[in-house]
Amino acid sequence: MSEKIYNLGIIGYGGMAGNHKKQLDNKNVRVQLKGVYDIDPARMEAAKEQGFIAYESREALLNDPEIDIVLVATTNDCHKEIAIDALRAGKHVLCEKPVTT
């Protein structure tokens, strides 16, 4: 069994992403939050203050070879495109809510 620690990138660092971060802090899991991307500069600043990388773009996060998993925590109408882009980048994908059309 592998003991690899997986690096997580979150796209959409709002309320639900914060809840996921707390779960990572409270559990003995093999996932660590490496960085985030959000369109809101205040959320990006909050991520930096918490010690995470604040990627300058979604593409920069997806192109980071150290990111293994992408958590899509944006509004539902954005999920499909982001999830497809992350899969094309070779990442594992977790989607916060169901994809909508």
N, C-alpha and C. Protein backbone atom coordinates (compact mmCIF):
# COMPACT_ATOMS: atom_id res chain seq x y z
N MET A 1 0.84 -1.18 0.00
CA MET A 1 0.00 0.00 0.00
C MET A 1 0.89 1.25 0.00
N SER A 2 0.55 2.17 -0.85
CA SER A 2 1.32 3.40 -0.97
C SER A 2 1.01 4.35 0.19
N GLU A 3 2.04 5.00 0.66
CA GLU A 3 1.88 6.01 1.71
C GLU A 3 2.07 7.41 1.14
N LYS A 4 1.88 7.55 -0.15
CA LYS A 4 2.05 8.84 -0.82
C LYS A 4 1.15 9.89 -0.18
N ILE A 5 1.67 11.09 -0.05
CA ILE A 5 0.88 12.24 0.36
C ILE A 5 0.50 12.97 -0.93
N TYR A 6 -0.80 13.13 -1.15
CA TYR A 6 -1.29 13.75 -2.37
C TYR A 6 -1.45 15.25 -2.16
N ASN A 7 -1.03 16.02 -3.14
CA ASN A 7 -1.18 17.48 -3.11
C ASN A 7 -2.49 17.88 -3.75
N LEU A 8 -3.24 18.69 -3.03
CA LEU A 8 -4.55 19.15 -3.46
C LEU A 8 -4.50 20.61 -3.87
N GLY A 9 -5.14 20.91 -4.97
CA GLY A 9 -5.37 22.29 -5.39
C GLY A 9 -6.87 22.54 -5.40
N ILE A 10 -7.28 23.67 -4.86
CA ILE A 10 -8.70 24.00 -4.83
C ILE A 10 -8.97 25.16 -5.78
N ILE A 11 -9.96 24.99 -6.63
CA ILE A 11 -10.41 26.07 -7.50
C ILE A 11 -11.75 26.53 -6.96
N GLY A 12 -11.78 27.76 -6.49
CA GLY A 12 -12.95 28.32 -5.82
C GLY A 12 -12.77 28.24 -4.32
N TYR A 13 -12.13 29.24 -3.73
CA TYR A 13 -11.76 29.18 -2.31
C TYR A 13 -12.74 29.97 -1.45
N GLY A 14 -14.02 29.62 -1.57
CA GLY A 14 -15.06 30.27 -0.78
C GLY A 14 -15.40 29.44 0.45
N GLY A 15 -16.64 29.55 0.89
CA GLY A 15 -17.09 28.92 2.12
C GLY A 15 -16.93 27.41 2.15
N MET A 16 -17.38 26.74 1.10
CA MET A 16 -17.31 25.28 1.09
C MET A 16 -15.86 24.79 1.03
N ALA A 17 -15.03 25.48 0.29
CA ALA A 17 -13.62 25.10 0.24
C ALA A 17 -12.99 25.23 1.61
N GLY A 18 -13.38 26.26 2.34
CA GLY A 18 -12.88 26.43 3.71
C GLY A 18 -13.29 25.27 4.60
N ASN A 19 -14.49 24.76 4.40
CA ASN A 19 -14.94 23.59 5.16
C ASN A 19 -14.09 22.36 4.82
N HIS A 20 -13.78 22.19 3.56
CA HIS A 20 -12.93 21.07 3.17
C HIS A 20 -11.54 21.21 3.78
N LYS A 21 -11.02 22.41 3.79
CA LYS A 21 -9.71 22.66 4.39
C LYS A 21 -9.71 22.26 5.86
N LYS A 22 -10.76 22.62 6.57
CA LYS A 22 -10.86 22.25 7.99
C LYS A 22 -10.87 20.74 8.16
N GLN A 23 -11.55 20.03 7.28
CA GLN A 23 -11.57 18.57 7.36
C GLN A 23 -10.18 17.98 7.15
N LEU A 24 -9.42 18.57 6.24
CA LEU A 24 -8.05 18.11 6.02
C LEU A 24 -7.20 18.35 7.26
N ASP A 25 -7.44 19.45 7.95
CA ASP A 25 -6.69 19.78 9.16
C ASP A 25 -7.04 18.83 10.31
N ASN A 26 -8.28 18.35 10.35
CA ASN A 26 -8.76 17.57 11.48
C ASN A 26 -8.65 16.06 11.31
N LYS A 27 -8.30 15.60 10.16
CA LYS A 27 -8.28 14.16 9.90
C LYS A 27 -6.86 13.69 9.62
N ASN A 28 -6.64 12.42 9.87
CA ASN A 28 -5.37 11.81 9.52
C ASN A 28 -5.51 11.29 8.10
N VAL A 29 -5.31 12.17 7.13
CA VAL A 29 -5.47 11.82 5.73
C VAL A 29 -4.15 11.99 5.00
N ARG A 30 -4.07 11.40 3.84
CA ARG A 30 -2.85 11.51 3.05
C ARG A 30 -2.99 12.56 1.96
N VAL A 31 -3.69 13.64 2.28
CA VAL A 31 -3.88 14.74 1.34
C VAL A 31 -3.50 16.02 2.05
N GLN A 32 -2.73 16.85 1.36
CA GLN A 32 -2.39 18.16 1.92
C GLN A 32 -2.74 19.24 0.90
N LEU A 33 -3.27 20.33 1.40
CA LEU A 33 -3.62 21.45 0.54
C LEU A 33 -2.36 22.20 0.17
N LYS A 34 -2.10 22.28 -1.12
CA LYS A 34 -0.91 23.00 -1.60
C LYS A 34 -1.25 24.42 -2.02
N GLY A 35 -2.36 24.60 -2.75
CA GLY A 35 -2.65 25.93 -3.24
C GLY A 35 -4.06 26.05 -3.76
N VAL A 36 -4.41 27.29 -4.06
CA VAL A 36 -5.77 27.59 -4.51
C VAL A 36 -5.75 28.60 -5.65
N TYR A 37 -6.88 28.64 -6.34
CA TYR A 37 -7.14 29.72 -7.29
C TYR A 37 -8.59 30.14 -7.09
N ASP A 38 -8.80 31.44 -7.05
CA ASP A 38 -10.14 32.00 -6.95
C ASP A 38 -10.13 33.31 -7.72
N ILE A 39 -11.28 33.68 -8.30
CA ILE A 39 -11.36 34.95 -9.03
C ILE A 39 -11.45 36.14 -8.09
N ASP A 40 -11.73 35.90 -6.82
CA ASP A 40 -11.85 36.97 -5.83
C ASP A 40 -10.49 37.25 -5.19
N PRO A 41 -9.92 38.44 -5.39
CA PRO A 41 -8.61 38.75 -4.82
C PRO A 41 -8.56 38.60 -3.30
N ALA A 42 -9.65 38.87 -2.60
CA ALA A 42 -9.66 38.74 -1.14
C ALA A 42 -9.48 37.28 -0.73
N ARG A 43 -10.07 36.37 -1.47
CA ARG A 43 -9.91 34.95 -1.16
C ARG A 43 -8.50 34.48 -1.46
N MET A 44 -7.92 35.03 -2.50
CA MET A 44 -6.53 34.70 -2.83
C MET A 44 -5.60 35.20 -1.72
N GLU A 45 -5.87 36.38 -1.22
CA GLU A 45 -5.06 36.94 -0.13
C GLU A 45 -5.21 36.09 1.13
N ALA A 46 -6.42 35.64 1.40
CA ALA A 46 -6.65 34.77 2.57
C ALA A 46 -5.84 33.48 2.44
N ALA A 47 -5.80 32.92 1.25
CA ALA A 47 -5.02 31.69 1.04
C ALA A 47 -3.55 31.94 1.31
N LYS A 48 -3.02 33.06 0.82
CA LYS A 48 -1.61 33.39 1.07
C LYS A 48 -1.35 33.53 2.56
N GLU A 49 -2.25 34.21 3.26
CA GLU A 49 -2.09 34.40 4.70
C GLU A 49 -2.11 33.08 5.46
N GLN A 50 -2.79 32.09 4.91
CA GLN A 50 -2.85 30.77 5.53
C GLN A 50 -1.68 29.88 5.12
N GLY A 51 -0.78 30.43 4.31
CA GLY A 51 0.43 29.71 3.93
C GLY A 51 0.34 28.87 2.67
N PHE A 52 -0.69 29.09 1.88
CA PHE A 52 -0.86 28.32 0.65
C PHE A 52 -0.42 29.13 -0.56
N ILE A 53 -0.13 28.43 -1.62
CA ILE A 53 0.15 29.11 -2.88
C ILE A 53 -1.16 29.66 -3.42
N ALA A 54 -1.14 30.90 -3.87
CA ALA A 54 -2.29 31.50 -4.55
C ALA A 54 -1.89 31.61 -6.01
N TYR A 55 -2.36 30.69 -6.82
CA TYR A 55 -1.99 30.64 -8.23
C TYR A 55 -2.58 31.84 -8.97
N GLU A 56 -1.83 32.39 -9.91
CA GLU A 56 -2.28 33.57 -10.63
C GLU A 56 -3.40 33.27 -11.62
N SER A 57 -3.59 31.99 -11.93
CA SER A 57 -4.66 31.61 -12.86
C SER A 57 -5.04 30.15 -12.61
N ARG A 58 -6.19 29.80 -13.12
CA ARG A 58 -6.63 28.41 -13.06
C ARG A 58 -5.64 27.52 -13.81
N GLU A 59 -5.17 28.00 -14.94
CA GLU A 59 -4.23 27.23 -15.75
C GLU A 59 -2.92 26.99 -15.01
N ALA A 60 -2.48 27.97 -14.24
CA ALA A 60 -1.24 27.80 -13.48
C ALA A 60 -1.39 26.68 -12.46
N LEU A 61 -2.53 26.63 -11.79
CA LEU A 61 -2.77 25.54 -10.84
C LEU A 61 -2.80 24.21 -11.57
N LEU A 62 -3.52 24.13 -12.68
CA LEU A 62 -3.64 22.88 -13.42
C LEU A 62 -2.31 22.43 -14.03
N ASN A 63 -1.44 23.38 -14.33
CA ASN A 63 -0.14 23.05 -14.93
C ASN A 63 0.94 22.72 -13.91
N ASP A 64 0.64 22.85 -12.62
CA ASP A 64 1.62 22.52 -11.58
C ASP A 64 1.73 21.00 -11.50
N PRO A 65 2.91 20.45 -11.83
CA PRO A 65 3.04 18.99 -11.82
C PRO A 65 2.95 18.38 -10.42
N GLU A 66 3.07 19.20 -9.38
CA GLU A 66 2.97 18.67 -8.02
C GLU A 66 1.53 18.53 -7.54
N ILE A 67 0.57 19.13 -8.25
CA ILE A 67 -0.84 19.00 -7.88
C ILE A 67 -1.35 17.66 -8.42
N ASP A 68 -1.81 16.82 -7.51
CA ASP A 68 -2.35 15.51 -7.87
C ASP A 68 -3.86 15.53 -8.03
N ILE A 69 -4.53 16.29 -7.15
CA ILE A 69 -5.99 16.30 -7.07
C ILE A 69 -6.47 17.74 -7.15
N VAL A 70 -7.54 17.96 -7.90
CA VAL A 70 -8.17 19.27 -7.97
C VAL A 70 -9.57 19.15 -7.38
N LEU A 71 -9.85 19.98 -6.40
CA LEU A 71 -11.19 20.09 -5.84
C LEU A 71 -11.87 21.28 -6.48
N VAL A 72 -12.96 21.04 -7.19
CA VAL A 72 -13.72 22.10 -7.84
C VAL A 72 -14.80 22.53 -6.86
N ALA A 73 -14.65 23.75 -6.34
CA ALA A 73 -15.59 24.26 -5.33
C ALA A 73 -16.14 25.62 -5.77
N THR A 74 -16.42 25.73 -7.04
CA THR A 74 -16.97 26.96 -7.60
C THR A 74 -18.50 26.84 -7.65
N THR A 75 -19.14 27.83 -8.24
CA THR A 75 -20.58 27.73 -8.45
C THR A 75 -20.85 26.61 -9.46
N ASN A 76 -22.02 26.01 -9.35
CA ASN A 76 -22.36 24.84 -10.17
C ASN A 76 -22.18 25.07 -11.66
N ASP A 77 -22.51 26.25 -12.14
CA ASP A 77 -22.48 26.49 -13.59
C ASP A 77 -21.06 26.49 -14.16
N CYS A 78 -20.05 26.50 -13.32
CA CYS A 78 -18.65 26.50 -13.78
C CYS A 78 -18.01 25.11 -13.70
N HIS A 79 -18.64 24.18 -13.02
CA HIS A 79 -18.01 22.89 -12.73
C HIS A 79 -17.57 22.12 -13.96
N LYS A 80 -18.44 22.04 -14.95
CA LYS A 80 -18.16 21.18 -16.10
C LYS A 80 -16.84 21.56 -16.78
N GLU A 81 -16.70 22.81 -17.14
CA GLU A 81 -15.49 23.25 -17.85
C GLU A 81 -14.23 23.04 -17.01
N ILE A 82 -14.30 23.40 -15.73
CA ILE A 82 -13.14 23.26 -14.85
C ILE A 82 -12.78 21.79 -14.67
N ALA A 83 -13.78 20.95 -14.43
CA ALA A 83 -13.52 19.52 -14.24
C ALA A 83 -12.89 18.91 -15.49
N ILE A 84 -13.41 19.24 -16.65
CA ILE A 84 -12.84 18.71 -17.90
C ILE A 84 -11.41 19.18 -18.08
N ASP A 85 -11.15 20.47 -17.84
CA ASP A 85 -9.79 20.99 -17.96
C ASP A 85 -8.84 20.27 -17.00
N ALA A 86 -9.29 20.02 -15.77
CA ALA A 86 -8.45 19.35 -14.79
C ALA A 86 -8.17 17.90 -15.20
N LEU A 87 -9.18 17.23 -15.71
CA LEU A 87 -8.97 15.86 -16.18
C LEU A 87 -8.01 15.82 -17.35
N ARG A 88 -8.15 16.77 -18.25
CA ARG A 88 -7.23 16.84 -19.40
C ARG A 88 -5.80 17.13 -18.95
N ALA A 89 -5.66 17.80 -17.81
CA ALA A 89 -4.33 18.09 -17.26
C ALA A 89 -3.77 16.89 -16.50
N GLY A 90 -4.53 15.79 -16.45
CA GLY A 90 -4.05 14.58 -15.81
C GLY A 90 -4.27 14.54 -14.30
N LYS A 91 -5.19 15.35 -13.80
CA LYS A 91 -5.44 15.42 -12.36
C LYS A 91 -6.63 14.53 -11.98
N HIS A 92 -6.62 14.07 -10.75
CA HIS A 92 -7.81 13.48 -10.15
C HIS A 92 -8.74 14.66 -9.83
N VAL A 93 -10.05 14.45 -9.91
CA VAL A 93 -10.98 15.56 -9.70
C VAL A 93 -12.05 15.19 -8.68
N LEU A 94 -12.26 16.09 -7.73
CA LEU A 94 -13.40 16.04 -6.81
C LEU A 94 -14.23 17.26 -7.11
N CYS A 95 -15.54 17.05 -7.23
CA CYS A 95 -16.42 18.16 -7.55
C CYS A 95 -17.33 18.39 -6.35
N GLU A 96 -17.37 19.63 -5.87
CA GLU A 96 -18.12 19.98 -4.66
C GLU A 96 -19.59 19.65 -4.77
N LYS A 97 -20.21 19.96 -5.88
CA LYS A 97 -21.64 19.72 -6.07
C LYS A 97 -21.84 19.08 -7.45
N PRO A 98 -23.01 18.59 -7.71
CA PRO A 98 -23.24 18.01 -9.05
C PRO A 98 -23.06 19.06 -10.15
N VAL A 99 -22.58 18.58 -11.27
CA VAL A 99 -22.43 19.43 -12.44
C VAL A 99 -23.82 19.79 -12.97
N THR A 100 -23.99 21.01 -13.43
CA THR A 100 -25.25 21.42 -14.03
C THR A 100 -25.00 21.78 -15.48
N THR A 101 -26.06 21.87 -16.23
CA THR A 101 -25.89 22.24 -17.64
C THR A 101 -25.86 23.74 -17.79
